PDB file of N, CA and C in Angstrom:
ATOM      1  N   MET A   1      -6.620  -4.747  55.780  1.00  0.00           N
ATOM      2  CA  MET A   1      -7.157  -4.069  54.576  1.00  0.00           C
ATOM      3  C   MET A   1      -6.380  -3.606  53.711  1.00  0.00           C
ATOM      4  N   LYS A   2      -4.809  -3.097  54.406  1.00  0.00           N
ATOM      5  CA  LYS A   2      -4.222  -2.889  53.100  1.00  0.00           C
ATOM      6  C   LYS A   2      -3.445  -3.729  52.430  1.00  0.00           C
ATOM      7  N   LEU A   3      -3.776  -4.989  53.284  1.00  0.00           N
ATOM      8  CA  LEU A   3      -2.817  -6.695  52.768  1.00  0.00           C
ATOM      9  C   LEU A   3      -3.942  -7.026  50.932  1.00  0.00           C
ATOM     10  N   SER A   4      -4.948  -7.063  51.866  1.00  0.00           N
ATOM     11  CA  SER A   4      -6.331  -7.167  50.519  1.00  0.00           C
ATOM     12  C   SER A   4      -6.141  -6.671  49.310  1.00  0.00           C
ATOM     13  N   PHE A   5      -5.611  -4.866  49.622  1.00  0.00           N
ATOM     14  CA  PHE A   5      -5.518  -4.431  48.472  1.00  0.00           C
ATOM     15  C   PHE A   5      -4.566  -4.199  47.795  1.00  0.00           C
ATOM     16  N   VAL A   6      -3.221  -4.277  48.141  1.00  0.00           N
ATOM     17  CA  VAL A   6      -1.905  -5.095  47.883  1.00  0.00           C
ATOM     18  C   VAL A   6      -2.731  -6.291  46.915  1.00  0.00           C
ATOM     19  N   VAL A   7      -2.952  -7.126  47.322  1.00  0.00           N
ATOM     20  CA  VAL A   7      -2.996  -8.703  46.779  1.00  0.00           C
ATOM     21  C   VAL A   7      -4.490  -8.249  45.389  1.00  0.00           C
ATOM     22  N   LEU A   8      -5.154  -7.260  45.721  1.00  0.00           N
ATOM     23  CA  LEU A   8      -5.729  -7.075  44.363  1.00  0.00           C
ATOM     24  C   LEU A   8      -5.457  -6.154  42.992  1.00  0.00           C
ATOM     25  N   LEU A   9      -4.482  -5.106  43.879  1.00  0.00           N
ATOM     26  CA  LEU A   9      -3.677  -4.255  42.836  1.00  0.00           C
ATOM     27  C   LEU A   9      -2.499  -5.555  41.879  1.00  0.00           C
ATOM     28  N   ILE A  10      -2.034  -6.350  42.464  1.00  0.00           N
ATOM     29  CA  ILE A  10      -0.685  -7.438  41.997  1.00  0.00           C
ATOM     30  C   ILE A  10      -1.706  -8.627  41.361  1.00  0.00           C
ATOM     31  N   LEU A  11      -2.917  -8.846  41.546  1.00  0.00           N
ATOM     32  CA  LEU A  11      -3.836  -9.915  40.931  1.00  0.00           C
ATOM     33  C   LEU A  11      -4.601  -8.504  39.344  1.00  0.00           C
ATOM     34  N   ALA A  12      -4.989  -7.698  39.556  1.00  0.00           N
ATOM     35  CA  ALA A  12      -5.082  -6.544  38.276  1.00  0.00           C
ATOM     36  C   ALA A  12      -3.808  -6.835  37.114  1.00  0.00           C
ATOM     37  N   ILE A  13      -2.845  -6.212  37.791  1.00  0.00           N
ATOM     38  CA  ILE A  13      -1.235  -5.570  37.143  1.00  0.00           C
ATOM     39  C   ILE A  13      -1.038  -7.795  36.388  1.00  0.00           C
ATOM     40  N   LEU A  14      -1.349  -9.037  37.230  1.00  0.00           N
ATOM     41  CA  LEU A  14      -0.906  -9.684  36.302  1.00  0.00           C
ATOM     42  C   LEU A  14      -1.880  -9.873  34.858  1.00  0.00           C
ATOM     43  N   PHE A  15      -3.070  -9.456  35.343  1.00  0.00           N
ATOM     44  CA  PHE A  15      -4.176 -10.085  34.368  1.00  0.00           C
ATOM     45  C   PHE A  15      -4.020  -9.199  33.306  1.00  0.00           C
ATOM     46  N   THR A  16      -4.117  -7.918  33.624  1.00  0.00           N
ATOM     47  CA  THR A  16      -4.176  -7.102  32.234  1.00  0.00           C
ATOM     48  C   THR A  16      -2.178  -7.693  31.273  1.00  0.00           C
ATOM     49  N   SER A  17      -1.659  -7.864  32.023  1.00  0.00           N
ATOM     50  CA  SER A  17      -0.352  -7.829  31.673  1.00  0.00           C
ATOM     51  C   SER A  17      -0.994  -9.394  30.521  1.00  0.00           C
ATOM     52  N   SER A  18      -1.452 -10.536  31.240  1.00  0.00           N
ATOM     53  CA  SER A  18      -1.798 -11.927  30.760  1.00  0.00           C
ATOM     54  C   SER A  18      -2.639 -11.500  29.059  1.00  0.00           C
ATOM     55  N   VAL A  19      -3.603 -10.291  29.860  1.00  0.00           N
ATOM     56  CA  VAL A  19      -4.525 -10.003  28.559  1.00  0.00           C
ATOM     57  C   VAL A  19      -3.791  -9.142  27.439  1.00  0.00           C
ATOM     58  N   PHE A  20      -2.591  -8.441  27.517  1.00  0.00           N
ATOM     59  CA  PHE A  20      -1.968  -7.888  26.310  1.00  0.00           C
ATOM     60  C   PHE A  20      -1.077  -8.682  25.775  1.00  0.00           C
ATOM     61  N   GLU A  21      -0.330  -9.385  26.399  1.00  0.00           N
ATOM     62  CA  GLU A  21       0.345 -10.854  25.560  1.00  0.00           C
ATOM     63  C   GLU A  21      -0.655 -11.285  24.897  1.00  0.00           C
ATOM     64  N   SER A  22      -2.085 -12.125  25.413  1.00  0.00           N
ATOM     65  CA  SER A  22      -2.657 -12.754  24.211  1.00  0.00           C
ATOM     66  C   SER A  22      -3.366 -12.015  23.230  1.00  0.00           C
ATOM     67  N   ILE A  23      -3.522 -10.640  23.403  1.00  0.00           N
ATOM     68  CA  ILE A  23      -3.972  -9.574  21.775  1.00  0.00           C
ATOM     69  C   ILE A  23      -2.754  -9.293  20.881  1.00  0.00           C
ATOM     70  N   ASN A  24      -1.341  -9.430  21.475  1.00  0.00           N
ATOM     71  CA  ASN A  24      -0.900  -9.019  20.316  1.00  0.00           C
ATOM     72  C   ASN A  24       0.097 -10.553  20.236  1.00  0.00           C
ATOM     73  N   ALA A  25      -0.374 -11.572  20.356  1.00  0.00           N
ATOM     74  CA  ALA A  25      -0.146 -12.629  20.105  1.00  0.00           C
ATOM     75  C   ALA A  25      -1.530 -13.279  18.730  1.00  0.00           C
ATOM     76  N   ILE A  26      -2.469 -12.979  18.496  1.00  0.00           N
ATOM     77  CA  ILE A  26      -3.533 -12.681  17.792  1.00  0.00           C
ATOM     78  C   ILE A  26      -3.503 -11.779  16.417  1.00  0.00           C
ATOM     79  N   SER A  27      -3.070 -10.404  17.275  1.00  0.00           N
ATOM     80  CA  SER A  27      -2.848  -9.413  15.797  1.00  0.00           C
ATOM     81  C   SER A  27      -1.079  -9.010  15.803  1.00  0.00           C
ATOM     82  N   PRO A  28      -0.468  -9.800  15.096  1.00  0.00           N
ATOM     83  CA  PRO A  28       1.046  -9.272  14.804  1.00  0.00           C
ATOM     84  C   PRO A  28       0.650  -8.100  14.046  1.00  0.00           C
ATOM     85  N   THR A  29       2.300  -7.418  14.915  1.00  0.00           N
ATOM     86  CA  THR A  29       2.068  -5.651  14.507  1.00  0.00           C
ATOM     87  C   THR A  29       2.212  -5.914  13.049  1.00  0.00           C
ATOM     88  N   SER A  30       3.464  -7.010  12.089  1.00  0.00           N
ATOM     89  CA  SER A  30       3.913  -6.764  11.200  1.00  0.00           C
ATOM     90  C   SER A  30       2.411  -6.946  10.204  1.00  0.00           C
ATOM     91  N   ALA A  31       2.443  -6.257   8.592  1.00  0.00           N
ATOM     92  CA  ALA A  31       1.836  -5.461   7.949  1.00  0.00           C
ATOM     93  C   ALA A  31       1.657  -6.738   7.212  1.00  0.00           C
ATOM     94  N   PRO A  32       0.136  -7.714   6.768  1.00  0.00           N
ATOM     95  CA  PRO A  32      -0.005  -8.582   6.030  1.00  0.00           C
ATOM     96  C   PRO A  32       0.716  -8.092   4.424  1.00  0.00           C
ATOM     97  N   VAL A  33       1.369  -9.001   3.840  1.00  0.00           N
ATOM     98  CA  VAL A  33       1.699  -8.951   2.678  1.00  0.00           C
ATOM     99  C   VAL A  33       0.683  -8.934   1.499  1.00  0.00           C
ATOM    100  N   SER A  34       0.790  -8.184   0.756  1.00  0.00           N
ATOM    101  CA  SER A  34       0.096  -7.741  -0.519  1.00  0.00           C
ATOM    102  C   SER A  34       0.709  -8.815  -1.507  1.00  0.00           C
ATOM    103  N   ALA A  35      -0.501  -9.640  -2.294  1.00  0.00           N
ATOM    104  CA  ALA A  35      -0.882 -10.144  -3.383  1.00  0.00           C
ATOM    105  C   ALA A  35      -0.462  -9.319  -4.734  1.00  0.00           C
ATOM    106  N   PRO A  36       0.294 -10.004  -5.427  1.00  0.00           N
ATOM    107  CA  PRO A  36       0.900  -8.960  -6.339  1.00  0.00           C
ATOM    108  C   PRO A  36      -0.152  -9.046  -7.581  1.00  0.00           C
ATOM    109  N   SER A  37      -0.341  -7.823  -7.715  1.00  0.00           N
ATOM    110  CA  SER A  37      -1.066  -7.389  -8.958  1.00  0.00           C
ATOM    111  C   SER A  37      -1.296  -8.453 -10.099  1.00  0.00           C
ATOM    112  N   LYS A  38      -2.729  -8.845 -10.877  1.00  0.00           N
ATOM    113  CA  LYS A  38      -2.666  -9.543 -11.348  1.00  0.00           C
ATOM    114  C   LYS A  38      -1.275  -9.455 -13.145  1.00  0.00           C
ATOM    115  N   PHE A  39      -1.307  -8.601 -13.565  1.00  0.00           N
ATOM    116  CA  PHE A  39      -0.448  -8.041 -14.829  1.00  0.00           C
ATOM    117  C   PHE A  39       1.013  -7.403 -14.323  1.00  0.00           C
ATOM    118  N   GLY A  40       1.990  -7.457 -12.894  1.00  0.00           N
ATOM    119  CA  GLY A  40       2.857  -7.031 -12.812  1.00  0.00           C
ATOM    120  C   GLY A  40       3.133  -5.588 -12.474  1.00  0.00           C
ATOM    121  N   CYS A  41       1.802  -4.930 -12.444  1.00  0.00           N
ATOM    122  CA  CYS A  41       1.773  -3.833 -12.529  1.00  0.00           C
ATOM    123  C   CYS A  41       2.821  -2.707 -11.392  1.00  0.00           C
ATOM    124  N   ASP A  42       2.627  -3.725 -10.493  1.00  0.00           N
ATOM    125  CA  ASP A  42       3.127  -2.724  -8.922  1.00  0.00           C
ATOM    126  C   ASP A  42       4.975  -2.427  -9.616  1.00  0.00           C
ATOM    127  N   LYS A  43       5.414  -4.216 -10.220  1.00  0.00           N
ATOM    128  CA  LYS A  43       7.080  -3.536 -10.355  1.00  0.00           C
ATOM    129  C   LYS A  43       6.744  -2.314 -11.554  1.00  0.00           C
ATOM    130  N   LYS A  44       5.823  -2.427 -12.501  1.00  0.00           N
ATOM    131  CA  LYS A  44       6.152  -1.260 -13.705  1.00  0.00           C
ATOM    132  C   LYS A  44       5.769  -0.307 -13.245  1.00  0.00           C
ATOM    133  N   CYS A  45       5.386  -0.011 -12.050  1.00  0.00           N
ATOM    134  CA  CYS A  45       4.600   1.456 -11.661  1.00  0.00           C
ATOM    135  C   CYS A  45       5.704   1.713 -11.138  1.00  0.00           C
ATOM    136  N   GLU A  46       6.474   1.281 -10.012  1.00  0.00           N
ATOM    137  CA  GLU A  46       7.975   1.308  -9.290  1.00  0.00           C
ATOM    138  C   GLU A  46       8.788   2.044 -10.175  1.00  0.00           C
ATOM    139  N   LEU A  47       8.670   1.532 -11.613  1.00  0.00           N
ATOM    140  CA  LEU A  47      10.146   2.187 -12.708  1.00  0.00           C
ATOM    141  C   LEU A  47       9.452   2.702 -13.302  1.00  0.00           C
ATOM    142  N   ARG A  48       8.553   2.852 -13.780  1.00  0.00           N
ATOM    143  CA  ARG A  48       7.667   4.305 -14.334  1.00  0.00           C
ATOM    144  C   ARG A  48       7.829   5.282 -12.987  1.00  0.00           C
ATOM    145  N   CYS A  49       7.085   5.141 -11.890  1.00  0.00           N
ATOM    146  CA  CYS A  49       7.359   6.784 -10.857  1.00  0.00           C
ATOM    147  C   CYS A  49       9.077   6.958 -10.266  1.00  0.00           C
ATOM    148  N   SER A  50       9.840   5.934 -10.254  1.00  0.00           N
ATOM    149  CA  SER A  50      10.912   6.256 -10.034  1.00  0.00           C
ATOM    150  C   SER A  50      11.532   7.455  -9.779  1.00  0.00           C
ATOM    151  N   ARG A  51      11.574   8.455 -10.334  1.00  0.00           N
ATOM    152  CA  ARG A  51      11.711   9.346 -10.360  1.00  0.00           C
ATOM    153  C   ARG A  51      10.854  10.749 -10.572  1.00  0.00           C
ATOM    154  N   SER A  52       9.658  10.646  -9.959  1.00  0.00           N
ATOM    155  CA  SER A  52       8.376  11.129  -9.616  1.00  0.00           C
ATOM    156  C   SER A  52       8.603  12.049  -8.580  1.00  0.00           C
ATOM    157  N   GLY A  53       8.205  13.339  -8.767  1.00  0.00           N
ATOM    158  CA  GLY A  53       8.186  14.628  -7.262  1.00  0.00           C
ATOM    159  C   GLY A  53       6.759  14.124  -6.268  1.00  0.00           C
ATOM    160  N   TRP A  54       5.794  13.423  -7.224  1.00  0.00           N
ATOM    161  CA  TRP A  54       4.796  12.964  -6.496  1.00  0.00           C
ATOM    162  C   TRP A  54       4.647  11.386  -6.914  1.00  0.00           C
ATOM    163  N   ARG A  55       5.387  10.990  -5.356  1.00  0.00           N
ATOM    164  CA  ARG A  55       5.706   9.606  -6.471  1.00  0.00           C
ATOM    165  C   ARG A  55       4.240   8.644  -5.677  1.00  0.00           C
ATOM    166  N   ASP A  56       3.824   9.219  -4.297  1.00  0.00           N
ATOM    167  CA  ASP A  56       2.209   8.061  -4.520  1.00  0.00           C
ATOM    168  C   ASP A  56       0.914   8.437  -5.205  1.00  0.00           C
ATOM    169  N   ARG A  57       1.222   9.964  -5.544  1.00  0.00           N
ATOM    170  CA  ARG A  57       0.192  10.176  -6.584  1.00  0.00           C
ATOM    171  C   ARG A  57       0.294   9.334  -8.386  1.00  0.00           C
ATOM    172  N   CYS A  58       1.647   9.293  -8.592  1.00  0.00           N
ATOM    173  CA  CYS A  58       1.969   9.048  -9.699  1.00  0.00           C
ATOM    174  C   CYS A  58       2.117   7.557  -9.662  1.00  0.00           C
ATOM    175  N   LEU A  59       2.224   6.669  -8.566  1.00  0.00           N
ATOM    176  CA  LEU A  59       1.885   5.111  -8.254  1.00  0.00           C
ATOM    177  C   LEU A  59       0.380   5.088  -8.250  1.00  0.00           C
ATOM    178  N   LYS A  60       0.055   5.705  -7.399  1.00  0.00           N
ATOM    179  CA  LYS A  60      -1.770   5.047  -7.868  1.00  0.00           C
ATOM    180  C   LYS A  60      -2.161   5.382  -9.535  1.00  0.00           C
ATOM    181  N   TYR A  61      -2.541   6.599  -9.739  1.00  0.00           N
ATOM    182  CA  TYR A  61      -2.253   6.150 -11.077  1.00  0.00           C
ATOM    183  C   TYR A  61      -1.872   5.657 -12.356  1.00  0.00           C
ATOM    184  N   CYS A  62      -0.488   5.366 -11.898  1.00  0.00           N
ATOM    185  CA  CYS A  62      -0.482   4.642 -12.999  1.00  0.00           C
ATOM    186  C   CYS A  62      -0.756   2.903 -12.600  1.00  0.00           C
ATOM    187  N   GLY A  63      -0.684   2.442 -11.435  1.00  0.00           N
ATOM    188  CA  GLY A  63      -1.974   1.554 -11.440  1.00  0.00           C
ATOM    189  C   GLY A  63      -2.973   1.636 -11.702  1.00  0.00           C
ATOM    190  N   ILE A  64      -4.104   2.402 -11.322  1.00  0.00           N
ATOM    191  CA  ILE A  64      -5.132   2.267 -11.963  1.00  0.00           C
ATOM    192  C   ILE A  64      -5.202   2.358 -13.775  1.00  0.00           C
ATOM    193  N   CYS A  65      -4.101   2.850 -14.164  1.00  0.00           N
ATOM    194  CA  CYS A  65      -3.860   2.765 -15.941  1.00  0.00           C
ATOM    195  C   CYS A  65      -3.401   1.277 -16.286  1.00  0.00           C
ATOM    196  N   CYS A  66      -2.449   1.104 -15.452  1.00  0.00           N
ATOM    197  CA  CYS A  66      -1.899  -0.047 -15.579  1.00  0.00           C
ATOM    198  C   CYS A  66      -2.861  -1.478 -15.995  1.00  0.00           C
ATOM    199  N   GLY A  67      -3.996  -1.587 -15.027  1.00  0.00           N
ATOM    200  CA  GLY A  67      -4.931  -2.323 -15.035  1.00  0.00           C
ATOM    201  C   GLY A  67      -5.867  -2.161 -16.043  1.00  0.00           C
ATOM    202  N   LYS A  68      -6.662  -1.249 -16.272  1.00  0.00           N
ATOM    203  CA  LYS A  68      -7.372  -0.955 -17.447  1.00  0.00           C
ATOM    204  C   LYS A  68      -6.535  -1.181 -18.577  1.00  0.00           C
ATOM    205  N   CYS A  69      -5.129  -1.320 -18.980  1.00  0.00           N
ATOM    206  CA  CYS A  69      -4.281  -1.198 -19.849  1.00  0.00           C
ATOM    207  C   CYS A  69      -4.016  -2.905 -20.212  1.00  0.00           C
ATOM    208  N   ASN A  70      -4.492  -3.163 -19.378  1.00  0.00           N
ATOM    209  CA  ASN A  70      -4.109  -5.041 -19.385  1.00  0.00           C
ATOM    210  C   ASN A  70      -2.093  -5.028 -19.187  1.00  0.00           C
ATOM    211  N   GLY A  71      -1.762  -4.308 -18.273  1.00  0.00           N
ATOM    212  CA  GLY A  71      -0.618  -4.585 -17.912  1.00  0.00           C
ATOM    213  C   GLY A  71       0.693  -3.137 -18.788  1.00  0.00           C
ATOM    214  N   CYS A  72       0.124  -2.858 -19.646  1.00  0.00           N
ATOM    215  CA  CYS A  72       0.757  -1.956 -20.310  1.00  0.00           C
ATOM    216  C   CYS A  72       1.016  -0.706 -19.794  1.00  0.00           C
ATOM    217  N   VAL A  73       2.530  -0.263 -19.552  1.00  0.00           N
ATOM    218  CA  VAL A  73       3.116   0.618 -18.810  1.00  0.00           C
ATOM    219  C   VAL A  73       4.765   1.005 -19.825  1.00  0.00           C
ATOM    220  N   PRO A  74       4.639   2.249 -20.084  1.00  0.00           N
ATOM    221  CA  PRO A  74       5.641   2.582 -20.545  1.00  0.00           C
ATOM    222  C   PRO A  74       7.336   1.878 -20.013  1.00  0.00           C
ATOM    223  N   SER A  75       8.055   1.686 -20.641  1.00  0.00           N
ATOM    224  CA  SER A  75       9.743   0.809 -19.266  1.00  0.00           C
ATOM    225  C   SER A  75      10.001   1.465 -18.825  1.00  0.00           C
ATOM    226  N   GLY A  76       9.906   2.932 -18.664  1.00  0.00           N
ATOM    227  CA  GLY A  76      10.496   3.861 -17.629  1.00  0.00           C
ATOM    228  C   GLY A  76      10.528   4.741 -17.387  1.00  0.00           C
ATOM    229  N   PRO A  77      11.146   6.111 -16.789  1.00  0.00           N
ATOM    230  CA  PRO A  77      10.646   7.029 -16.188  1.00  0.00           C
ATOM    231  C   PRO A  77      10.375   8.040 -17.391  1.00  0.00           C
ATOM    232  N   TYR A  78      11.273   8.446 -18.443  1.00  0.00           N
ATOM    233  CA  TYR A  78      11.094   9.242 -19.499  1.00  0.00           C
ATOM    234  C   TYR A  78      10.913   8.370 -21.160  1.00  0.00           C
ATOM    235  N   VAL A  79      10.585   7.016 -20.706  1.00  0.00           N
ATOM    236  CA  VAL A  79      10.080   6.372 -22.233  1.00  0.00           C
ATOM    237  C   VAL A  79       9.160   7.225 -22.626  1.00  0.00           C
ATOM    238  N   SER A  80       8.833   7.562 -23.907  1.00  0.00           N
ATOM    239  CA  SER A  80       7.444   7.923 -24.237  1.00  0.00           C
ATOM    240  C   SER A  80       6.427   6.978 -24.321  1.00  0.00           C
ATOM    241  N   LYS A  81       5.056   7.413 -23.841  1.00  0.00           N
ATOM    242  CA  LYS A  81       4.005   7.061 -23.702  1.00  0.00           C
ATOM    243  C   LYS A  81       3.409   6.031 -25.196  1.00  0.00           C
ATOM    244  N   SER A  82       4.316   6.197 -26.027  1.00  0.00           N
ATOM    245  CA  SER A  82       3.479   6.107 -27.432  1.00  0.00           C
ATOM    246  C   SER A  82       3.495   4.668 -27.286  1.00  0.00           C
ATOM    247  N   GLN A  83       4.564   3.823 -26.137  1.00  0.00           N
ATOM    248  CA  GLN A  83       4.604   2.423 -26.725  1.00  0.00           C
ATOM    249  C   GLN A  83       3.555   1.653 -26.139  1.00  0.00           C
ATOM    250  N   CYS A  84       2.946   2.696 -25.209  1.00  0.00           N
ATOM    251  CA  CYS A  84       1.032   2.195 -24.630  1.00  0.00           C
ATOM    252  C   CYS A  84       0.353   2.999 -25.211  1.00  0.00           C
ATOM    253  N   PRO A  85      -0.573   2.527 -26.287  1.00  0.00           N
ATOM    254  CA  PRO A  85      -1.369   2.954 -26.707  1.00  0.00           C
ATOM    255  C   PRO A  85      -2.648   3.394 -25.604  1.00  0.00           C
ATOM    256  N   CYS A  86      -3.333   2.329 -25.233  1.00  0.00           N
ATOM    257  CA  CYS A  86      -4.229   2.741 -24.284  1.00  0.00           C
ATOM    258  C   CYS A  86      -3.493   3.273 -23.055  1.00  0.00           C
ATOM    259  N   TYR A  87      -3.178   3.637 -23.046  1.00  0.00           N
ATOM    260  CA  TYR A  87      -1.488   4.544 -21.530  1.00  0.00           C
ATOM    261  C   TYR A  87      -1.569   5.845 -22.156  1.00  0.00           C
ATOM    262  N   ARG A  88      -1.104   5.849 -23.179  1.00  0.00           N
ATOM    263  CA  ARG A  88      -1.253   7.206 -23.726  1.00  0.00           C
ATOM    264  C   ARG A  88      -2.645   7.724 -23.886  1.00  0.00           C
ATOM    265  N   ASP A  89      -3.507   7.063 -24.569  1.00  0.00           N
ATOM    266  CA  ASP A  89      -4.674   7.884 -24.937  1.00  0.00           C
ATOM    267  C   ASP A  89      -5.766   8.085 -23.476  1.00  0.00           C
ATOM    268  N   MET A  90      -5.416   7.627 -22.531  1.00  0.00           N
ATOM    269  CA  MET A  90      -6.870   7.099 -21.180  1.00  0.00           C
ATOM    270  C   MET A  90      -6.762   9.083 -20.943  1.00  0.00           C
ATOM    271  N   LYS A  91      -7.527   9.876 -20.658  1.00  0.00           N
ATOM    272  CA  LYS A  91      -7.455  11.256 -20.175  1.00  0.00           C
ATOM    273  C   LYS A  91      -8.263  11.021 -18.735  1.00  0.00           C
ATOM    274  N   ASN A  92      -8.435  12.526 -18.463  1.00  0.00           N
ATOM    275  CA  ASN A  92      -9.136  12.341 -17.326  1.00  0.00           C
ATOM    276  C   ASN A  92     -10.929  13.274 -17.428  1.00  0.00           C
ATOM    277  N   PRO A  93     -11.328  13.758 -16.835  1.00  0.00           N
ATOM    278  CA  PRO A  93     -12.456  14.598 -16.751  1.00  0.00           C
ATOM    279  C   PRO A  93     -12.381  15.768 -17.572  1.00  0.00           C
ATOM    280  N   LYS A  94     -11.100  16.328 -17.519  1.00  0.00           N
ATOM    281  CA  LYS A  94     -10.626  17.591 -17.522  1.00  0.00           C
ATOM    282  C   LYS A  94      -9.840  17.388 -19.134  1.00  0.00           C
ATOM    283  N   GLY A  95      -9.821  16.073 -19.565  1.00  0.00           N
ATOM    284  CA  GLY A  95      -9.126  16.126 -20.728  1.00  0.00           C
ATOM    285  C   GLY A  95      -7.867  16.053 -21.039  1.00  0.00           C
ATOM    286  N   LYS A  96      -7.208  16.031 -19.351  1.00  0.00           N
ATOM    287  CA  LYS A  96      -5.468  15.921 -19.578  1.00  0.00           C
ATOM    288  C   LYS A  96      -5.527  14.510 -19.255  1.00  0.00           C
ATOM    289  N   ASP A  97      -3.981  14.497 -19.801  1.00  0.00           N
ATOM    290  CA  ASP A  97      -3.727  12.772 -19.499  1.00  0.00           C
ATOM    291  C   ASP A  97      -3.716  12.271 -18.247  1.00  0.00           C
ATOM    292  N   LYS A  98      -4.038  10.906 -17.456  1.00  0.00           N
ATOM    293  CA  LYS A  98      -4.549  10.468 -16.747  1.00  0.00           C
ATOM    294  C   LYS A  98      -3.466   9.497 -16.489  1.00  0.00           C
ATOM    295  N   CYS A  99      -2.316   9.230 -16.791  1.00  0.00           N
ATOM    296  CA  CYS A  99      -1.523   7.903 -16.893  1.00  0.00           C
ATOM    297  C   CYS A  99       0.014   9.277 -16.712  1.00  0.00           C
ATOM    298  N   PRO A 100       0.528   8.496 -15.953  1.00  0.00           N
ATOM    299  CA  PRO A 100       2.122   9.862 -15.445  1.00  0.00           C
ATOM    300  C   PRO A 100       2.685   8.823 -16.522  1.00  0.00           C
TER     301      PRO A 100
END
């Protein structure tokens, strides 16, 4: 009885370890690489939001504005929004600037 229990325990351990190895082979832990945006908004917004205190929020709204303005984003963190009239004139529902 004890011998059969030990054999079953060893078989169970071998089976579960092989199952976990096959799962890890199917779904790697590395994240997929995202495709570059159509207008290069990712890099432009990285530069625009590089000194922002609210970086995640800045990147989110900058990306939205960049896409709607066909890739027009002011060229630096402190550059005037007048470089891109579309970016400058976009407002949120409360009437405040939408684009950072």
